[in-house]
């Protein structure tokens, strides 16, 4: 059961890492989109032609929307980072518990084997003692 718990923790960590990678890619895309929007804004501001206030407001609203999307992606990435750390800690705990139980099982097996060897040696000693008594009698 502990081994299954460890395998599950490994799978959950892998899934969390996949989601984090996806969030990193989305953040990079949002960064590129924001940079493109800022460049567009600078281009319009640098033009000699008159730009209507409505157009400027629309461009500003678009830029703010892109910035908001970028902040959202950044928060998602932070959450994914926390999730990865949590899953990693869970895996470490599960692996530690599994290893502890394996050591305990091995120790009990060793104790059992030593006890069985001791009993077997007692029986062999008894057989040898009986043979010796018979041979001297």
N, C-alpha and C. Protein backbone atom coordinates (compact mmCIF):
# COMPACT_ATOMS: atom_id res chain seq x y z
N UNK A 1 0.83 -1.19 0.00
CA UNK A 1 0.00 0.00 0.00
C UNK A 1 0.88 1.26 0.00
N UNK A 2 1.95 1.22 0.78
CA UNK A 2 2.85 2.37 0.82
C UNK A 2 3.53 2.58 -0.52
N UNK A 3 3.82 1.47 -1.18
CA UNK A 3 4.44 1.58 -2.50
C UNK A 3 3.48 2.22 -3.49
N UNK A 4 2.20 1.84 -3.39
CA UNK A 4 1.19 2.46 -4.26
C UNK A 4 1.06 3.95 -3.96
N UNK A 5 1.12 4.28 -2.68
CA UNK A 5 1.03 5.69 -2.28
C UNK A 5 2.22 6.48 -2.85
N UNK A 6 3.39 5.86 -2.84
CA UNK A 6 4.57 6.52 -3.41
C UNK A 6 4.42 6.68 -4.93
N UNK A 7 3.93 5.65 -5.60
CA UNK A 7 3.72 5.74 -7.05
C UNK A 7 2.70 6.82 -7.38
N UNK A 8 1.63 6.90 -6.59
CA UNK A 8 0.62 7.93 -6.80
C UNK A 8 1.23 9.32 -6.61
N UNK A 9 2.06 9.47 -5.58
CA UNK A 9 2.72 10.75 -5.33
C UNK A 9 3.64 11.11 -6.49
N UNK A 10 4.32 10.12 -7.06
CA UNK A 10 5.18 10.37 -8.22
C UNK A 10 4.35 10.85 -9.41
N UNK A 11 3.22 10.19 -9.63
CA UNK A 11 2.34 10.59 -10.74
C UNK A 11 1.80 12.00 -10.54
N UNK A 12 1.39 12.30 -9.30
CA UNK A 12 0.86 13.64 -9.03
C UNK A 12 1.94 14.71 -9.19
N UNK A 13 3.17 14.39 -8.81
CA UNK A 13 4.26 15.33 -9.02
C UNK A 13 4.51 15.53 -10.51
N UNK A 14 4.49 14.46 -11.27
CA UNK A 14 4.68 14.58 -12.72
C UNK A 14 3.58 15.43 -13.35
N UNK A 15 2.34 15.22 -12.90
CA UNK A 15 1.23 16.03 -13.42
C UNK A 15 1.41 17.50 -13.05
N UNK A 16 1.84 17.75 -11.81
CA UNK A 16 2.06 19.13 -11.37
C UNK A 16 3.18 19.79 -12.17
N UNK A 17 4.22 19.03 -12.47
CA UNK A 17 5.32 19.56 -13.28
C UNK A 17 4.85 19.88 -14.69
N UNK A 18 3.98 19.04 -15.22
CA UNK A 18 3.43 19.29 -16.56
C UNK A 18 2.60 20.56 -16.56
N UNK A 19 1.76 20.71 -15.52
CA UNK A 19 0.94 21.93 -15.43
C UNK A 19 1.83 23.16 -15.26
N UNK A 20 2.90 23.04 -14.49
CA UNK A 20 3.81 24.18 -14.31
C UNK A 20 4.47 24.54 -15.64
N UNK A 21 4.89 23.54 -16.40
CA UNK A 21 5.49 23.80 -17.71
C UNK A 21 4.51 24.51 -18.63
N UNK A 22 3.27 24.08 -18.57
CA UNK A 22 2.23 24.73 -19.37
C UNK A 22 2.05 26.18 -18.94
N UNK A 23 2.07 26.42 -17.63
CA UNK A 23 1.92 27.79 -17.12
C UNK A 23 3.11 28.66 -17.52
N UNK A 24 4.30 28.07 -17.52
CA UNK A 24 5.49 28.82 -17.96
C UNK A 24 5.33 29.23 -19.42
N UNK A 25 4.86 28.30 -20.25
CA UNK A 25 4.66 28.60 -21.67
C UNK A 25 3.59 29.68 -21.85
N UNK A 26 2.51 29.59 -21.08
CA UNK A 26 1.45 30.60 -21.17
C UNK A 26 1.96 31.97 -20.72
N UNK A 27 2.79 31.99 -19.69
CA UNK A 27 3.35 33.27 -19.23
C UNK A 27 4.27 33.86 -20.28
N UNK A 28 5.08 33.02 -20.90
CA UNK A 28 5.96 33.51 -21.96
C UNK A 28 5.14 34.08 -23.12
N UNK A 29 4.06 33.39 -23.45
CA UNK A 29 3.19 33.88 -24.52
C UNK A 29 2.56 35.21 -24.13
N UNK A 30 2.12 35.31 -22.88
CA UNK A 30 1.53 36.57 -22.40
C UNK A 30 2.56 37.68 -22.39
N UNK A 31 3.80 37.36 -22.03
CA UNK A 31 4.87 38.36 -22.07
C UNK A 31 5.10 38.86 -23.49
N UNK A 32 5.13 37.92 -24.43
CA UNK A 32 5.33 38.30 -25.83
C UNK A 32 4.16 39.15 -26.33
N UNK A 33 2.95 38.76 -25.96
CA UNK A 33 1.76 39.50 -26.36
C UNK A 33 1.80 40.92 -25.77
N UNK A 34 2.20 41.02 -24.52
CA UNK A 34 2.30 42.33 -23.86
C UNK A 34 3.38 43.18 -24.54
N UNK A 35 4.50 42.58 -24.82
CA UNK A 35 5.58 43.33 -25.47
C UNK A 35 5.12 43.84 -26.85
N UNK A 36 4.38 43.01 -27.57
CA UNK A 36 3.86 43.41 -28.87
C UNK A 36 2.87 44.57 -28.71
N UNK A 37 2.00 44.48 -27.71
CA UNK A 37 1.02 45.55 -27.47
C UNK A 37 1.72 46.85 -27.08
N UNK A 38 2.76 46.75 -26.25
CA UNK A 38 3.51 47.95 -25.87
C UNK A 38 4.22 48.56 -27.07
N UNK A 39 4.75 47.71 -27.92
CA UNK A 39 5.42 48.21 -29.13
C UNK A 39 4.42 48.92 -30.04
N UNK A 40 3.24 48.35 -30.17
CA UNK A 40 2.18 48.99 -30.95
C UNK A 40 1.82 50.36 -30.36
N UNK A 41 1.74 50.42 -29.04
CA UNK A 41 1.41 51.66 -28.34
C UNK A 41 2.49 52.71 -28.60
N UNK A 42 3.75 52.28 -28.53
CA UNK A 42 4.86 53.22 -28.79
C UNK A 42 4.85 53.70 -30.23
N UNK A 43 4.52 52.80 -31.13
CA UNK A 43 4.48 53.15 -32.55
C UNK A 43 3.42 54.21 -32.80
N UNK A 44 2.24 54.01 -32.25
CA UNK A 44 1.14 54.96 -32.43
C UNK A 44 1.51 56.30 -31.80
N UNK A 45 2.13 56.25 -30.64
CA UNK A 45 2.49 57.50 -29.95
C UNK A 45 3.56 58.26 -30.72
N UNK A 46 4.40 57.55 -31.46
CA UNK A 46 5.48 58.19 -32.19
C UNK A 46 5.06 58.70 -33.57
N UNK A 47 3.87 58.37 -34.02
CA UNK A 47 3.42 58.81 -35.33
C UNK A 47 3.11 60.31 -35.30
N UNK A 48 3.31 60.94 -36.44
CA UNK A 48 3.06 62.38 -36.55
C UNK A 48 1.59 62.69 -36.80
N UNK A 49 0.86 61.68 -37.21
CA UNK A 49 -0.56 61.91 -37.49
C UNK A 49 -1.34 62.05 -36.18
N UNK A 50 -2.40 62.76 -36.27
CA UNK A 50 -3.26 62.93 -35.09
C UNK A 50 -4.06 61.64 -34.89
N UNK A 51 -4.16 61.23 -33.65
CA UNK A 51 -4.91 60.03 -33.31
C UNK A 51 -6.09 60.46 -32.45
N UNK A 52 -7.23 59.92 -32.74
CA UNK A 52 -8.43 60.33 -31.99
C UNK A 52 -8.36 59.83 -30.54
N UNK A 53 -9.04 60.53 -29.70
CA UNK A 53 -9.08 60.16 -28.28
C UNK A 53 -9.73 58.80 -28.11
N UNK A 54 -10.72 58.50 -28.91
CA UNK A 54 -11.39 57.21 -28.84
C UNK A 54 -10.42 56.08 -29.16
N UNK A 55 -9.61 56.30 -30.19
CA UNK A 55 -8.61 55.31 -30.59
C UNK A 55 -7.58 55.12 -29.47
N UNK A 56 -7.13 56.23 -28.88
CA UNK A 56 -6.16 56.13 -27.78
C UNK A 56 -6.75 55.39 -26.58
N UNK A 57 -8.02 55.68 -26.27
CA UNK A 57 -8.67 55.00 -25.16
C UNK A 57 -8.83 53.50 -25.43
N UNK A 58 -9.19 53.18 -26.67
CA UNK A 58 -9.34 51.77 -27.03
C UNK A 58 -7.99 51.04 -26.93
N UNK A 59 -6.94 51.69 -27.41
CA UNK A 59 -5.60 51.09 -27.33
C UNK A 59 -5.17 50.93 -25.87
N UNK A 60 -5.47 51.93 -25.04
CA UNK A 60 -5.11 51.85 -23.63
C UNK A 60 -5.90 50.73 -22.94
N UNK A 61 -7.17 50.61 -23.26
CA UNK A 61 -7.99 49.54 -22.67
C UNK A 61 -7.45 48.17 -23.09
N UNK A 62 -7.07 48.05 -24.37
CA UNK A 62 -6.50 46.79 -24.86
C UNK A 62 -5.20 46.48 -24.12
N UNK A 63 -4.34 47.46 -23.96
CA UNK A 63 -3.08 47.29 -23.26
C UNK A 63 -3.32 46.86 -21.80
N UNK A 64 -4.27 47.47 -21.15
CA UNK A 64 -4.58 47.11 -19.77
C UNK A 64 -5.12 45.69 -19.68
N UNK A 65 -5.90 45.29 -20.66
CA UNK A 65 -6.43 43.92 -20.70
C UNK A 65 -5.29 42.91 -20.88
N UNK A 66 -4.34 43.23 -21.74
CA UNK A 66 -3.19 42.36 -21.96
C UNK A 66 -2.33 42.28 -20.69
N UNK A 67 -2.15 43.42 -20.03
CA UNK A 67 -1.39 43.42 -18.77
C UNK A 67 -2.09 42.59 -17.70
N UNK A 68 -3.40 42.68 -17.64
CA UNK A 68 -4.17 41.91 -16.68
C UNK A 68 -4.03 40.40 -16.96
N UNK A 69 -4.06 40.04 -18.24
CA UNK A 69 -3.89 38.64 -18.60
C UNK A 69 -2.49 38.15 -18.21
N UNK A 70 -1.50 39.01 -18.38
CA UNK A 70 -0.13 38.64 -18.01
C UNK A 70 -0.02 38.45 -16.50
N UNK A 71 -0.65 39.34 -15.71
CA UNK A 71 -0.63 39.18 -14.25
C UNK A 71 -1.33 37.88 -13.83
N UNK A 72 -2.43 37.58 -14.51
CA UNK A 72 -3.16 36.34 -14.22
C UNK A 72 -2.26 35.13 -14.48
N UNK A 73 -1.57 35.14 -15.60
CA UNK A 73 -0.65 34.03 -15.93
C UNK A 73 0.47 33.93 -14.91
N UNK A 74 0.97 35.07 -14.45
CA UNK A 74 2.03 35.07 -13.44
C UNK A 74 1.52 34.46 -12.13
N UNK A 75 0.30 34.81 -11.73
CA UNK A 75 -0.28 34.23 -10.51
C UNK A 75 -0.50 32.73 -10.67
N UNK A 76 -0.96 32.32 -11.84
CA UNK A 76 -1.15 30.89 -12.11
C UNK A 76 0.18 30.14 -11.98
N UNK A 77 1.24 30.73 -12.50
CA UNK A 77 2.55 30.10 -12.40
C UNK A 77 2.98 30.00 -10.94
N UNK A 78 2.74 31.03 -10.16
CA UNK A 78 3.08 30.98 -8.73
C UNK A 78 2.32 29.83 -8.05
N UNK A 79 1.05 29.69 -8.40
CA UNK A 79 0.25 28.60 -7.82
C UNK A 79 0.79 27.24 -8.24
N UNK A 80 1.20 27.14 -9.49
CA UNK A 80 1.77 25.88 -9.98
C UNK A 80 3.09 25.57 -9.28
N UNK A 81 3.89 26.60 -9.02
CA UNK A 81 5.14 26.41 -8.29
C UNK A 81 4.86 25.89 -6.88
N UNK A 82 3.85 26.46 -6.23
CA UNK A 82 3.48 26.00 -4.89
C UNK A 82 2.97 24.56 -4.94
N UNK A 83 2.19 24.26 -5.96
CA UNK A 83 1.67 22.90 -6.11
C UNK A 83 2.81 21.90 -6.32
N UNK A 84 3.78 22.26 -7.13
CA UNK A 84 4.93 21.38 -7.36
C UNK A 84 5.68 21.16 -6.05
N UNK A 85 5.89 22.21 -5.29
CA UNK A 85 6.60 22.08 -4.02
C UNK A 85 5.81 21.17 -3.06
N UNK A 86 4.51 21.33 -3.05
CA UNK A 86 3.66 20.51 -2.19
C UNK A 86 3.71 19.05 -2.62
N UNK A 87 3.60 18.80 -3.90
CA UNK A 87 3.64 17.42 -4.41
C UNK A 87 5.01 16.80 -4.17
N UNK A 88 6.06 17.60 -4.30
CA UNK A 88 7.41 17.11 -4.05
C UNK A 88 7.56 16.70 -2.59
N UNK A 89 7.01 17.51 -1.69
CA UNK A 89 7.06 17.18 -0.26
C UNK A 89 6.26 15.91 0.03
N UNK A 90 5.10 15.77 -0.61
CA UNK A 90 4.29 14.57 -0.43
C UNK A 90 5.04 13.34 -0.92
N UNK A 91 5.72 13.47 -2.06
CA UNK A 91 6.49 12.35 -2.58
C UNK A 91 7.63 12.00 -1.63
N UNK A 92 8.30 13.00 -1.11
CA UNK A 92 9.40 12.73 -0.17
C UNK A 92 8.87 12.01 1.06
N UNK A 93 7.72 12.43 1.57
CA UNK A 93 7.13 11.77 2.73
C UNK A 93 6.75 10.33 2.40
N UNK A 94 6.10 10.13 1.26
CA UNK A 94 5.68 8.78 0.86
C UNK A 94 6.89 7.88 0.65
N UNK A 95 7.92 8.40 0.02
CA UNK A 95 9.13 7.61 -0.21
C UNK A 95 9.80 7.26 1.12
N UNK A 96 9.82 8.21 2.03
CA UNK A 96 10.42 7.97 3.34
C UNK A 96 9.64 6.89 4.10
N UNK A 97 8.32 6.99 4.08
CA UNK A 97 7.49 5.99 4.75
C UNK A 97 7.69 4.61 4.12
N UNK A 98 7.75 4.57 2.80
CA UNK A 98 7.94 3.30 2.10
C UNK A 98 9.30 2.71 2.47
N UNK A 99 10.32 3.52 2.47
CA UNK A 99 11.66 3.05 2.82
C UNK A 99 11.70 2.57 4.27
N UNK A 100 11.05 3.32 5.17
CA UNK A 100 11.02 2.93 6.57
C UNK A 100 10.35 1.56 6.73
N UNK A 101 9.24 1.35 6.04
CA UNK A 101 8.56 0.06 6.13
C UNK A 101 9.39 -1.06 5.52
N UNK A 102 10.11 -0.77 4.46
CA UNK A 102 11.00 -1.78 3.88
C UNK A 102 12.09 -2.17 4.86
N UNK A 103 12.68 -1.17 5.53
CA UNK A 103 13.71 -1.48 6.52
C UNK A 103 13.13 -2.29 7.68
N UNK A 104 11.93 -1.90 8.13
CA UNK A 104 11.27 -2.63 9.21
C UNK A 104 10.99 -4.07 8.79
N UNK A 105 10.48 -4.26 7.58
CA UNK A 105 10.20 -5.60 7.07
C UNK A 105 11.49 -6.42 7.00
N UNK A 106 12.57 -5.79 6.51
CA UNK A 106 13.85 -6.49 6.42
C UNK A 106 14.37 -6.85 7.80
N UNK A 107 14.19 -5.95 8.75
CA UNK A 107 14.65 -6.24 10.11
C UNK A 107 13.86 -7.40 10.71
N UNK A 108 12.54 -7.39 10.53
CA UNK A 108 11.71 -8.49 11.04
C UNK A 108 12.07 -9.80 10.34
N UNK A 109 12.31 -9.73 9.05
CA UNK A 109 12.70 -10.93 8.31
C UNK A 109 14.03 -11.46 8.85
N UNK A 110 14.96 -10.56 9.11
CA UNK A 110 16.25 -10.97 9.67
C UNK A 110 16.10 -11.60 11.04
N UNK A 111 15.25 -10.99 11.88
CA UNK A 111 14.99 -11.56 13.21
C UNK A 111 14.37 -12.94 13.09
N UNK A 112 13.43 -13.08 12.17
CA UNK A 112 12.77 -14.37 11.95
C UNK A 112 13.78 -15.40 11.47
N UNK A 113 14.62 -15.02 10.52
CA UNK A 113 15.63 -15.94 10.00
C UNK A 113 16.60 -16.36 11.10
N UNK A 114 17.03 -15.40 11.93
CA UNK A 114 17.94 -15.74 13.03
C UNK A 114 17.28 -16.70 14.02
N UNK A 115 16.01 -16.44 14.31
CA UNK A 115 15.28 -17.33 15.23
C UNK A 115 15.13 -18.71 14.62
N UNK A 116 14.80 -18.78 13.34
CA UNK A 116 14.68 -20.08 12.67
C UNK A 116 16.03 -20.80 12.65
N UNK A 117 17.09 -20.07 12.39
CA UNK A 117 18.44 -20.67 12.41
C UNK A 117 18.78 -21.18 13.80
N UNK A 118 18.41 -20.40 14.83
CA UNK A 118 18.69 -20.81 16.21
C UNK A 118 17.94 -22.10 16.55
N UNK A 119 16.67 -22.17 16.15
CA UNK A 119 15.87 -23.38 16.41
C UNK A 119 16.45 -24.58 15.66
N UNK A 120 16.79 -24.34 14.39
CA UNK A 120 17.35 -25.42 13.59
C UNK A 120 18.67 -25.90 14.19
N UNK A 121 19.48 -24.97 14.65
CA UNK A 121 20.74 -25.35 15.27
C UNK A 121 20.48 -26.15 16.55
N UNK A 122 19.44 -25.76 17.30
CA UNK A 122 19.08 -26.51 18.51
C UNK A 122 18.69 -27.94 18.18
N UNK A 123 17.91 -28.09 17.12
CA UNK A 123 17.49 -29.43 16.69
C UNK A 123 18.70 -30.23 16.25
N UNK A 124 19.59 -29.62 15.47
CA UNK A 124 20.80 -30.31 15.02
C UNK A 124 21.69 -30.69 16.21
N UNK A 125 21.79 -29.79 17.16
CA UNK A 125 22.58 -30.10 18.36
C UNK A 125 21.97 -31.27 19.12
N UNK A 126 20.64 -31.30 19.22
CA UNK A 126 19.95 -32.39 19.90
C UNK A 126 20.19 -33.70 19.18
N UNK A 127 20.12 -33.68 17.86
CA UNK A 127 20.36 -34.89 17.07
C UNK A 127 21.79 -35.37 17.29
N UNK A 128 22.73 -34.43 17.23
CA UNK A 128 24.13 -34.80 17.43
C UNK A 128 24.35 -35.33 18.83
N UNK A 129 23.73 -34.75 19.83
CA UNK A 129 23.86 -35.20 21.21
C UNK A 129 23.29 -36.60 21.38
N UNK A 130 22.13 -36.85 20.78
CA UNK A 130 21.53 -38.19 20.85
C UNK A 130 22.41 -39.22 20.17
N UNK A 131 22.99 -38.92 19.05
CA UNK A 131 23.87 -39.85 18.35
C UNK A 131 25.12 -40.14 19.19
N UNK A 132 25.62 -39.07 19.80
CA UNK A 132 26.81 -39.25 20.61
C UNK A 132 26.52 -40.14 21.80
N UNK A 133 25.35 -39.95 22.43
CA UNK A 133 24.96 -40.78 23.57
C UNK A 133 24.79 -42.24 23.15
N UNK A 134 24.18 -42.44 21.99
CA UNK A 134 23.97 -43.80 21.49
C UNK A 134 25.29 -44.48 21.17
N UNK A 135 26.22 -43.70 20.62
CA UNK A 135 27.49 -44.29 20.20
C UNK A 135 28.36 -44.63 21.42
N UNK A 136 28.22 -43.90 22.50
CA UNK A 136 29.01 -44.17 23.71
C UNK A 136 28.32 -45.19 24.61
N UNK A 137 27.08 -45.45 24.38
CA UNK A 137 26.35 -46.39 25.23
C UNK A 137 26.52 -47.81 24.85
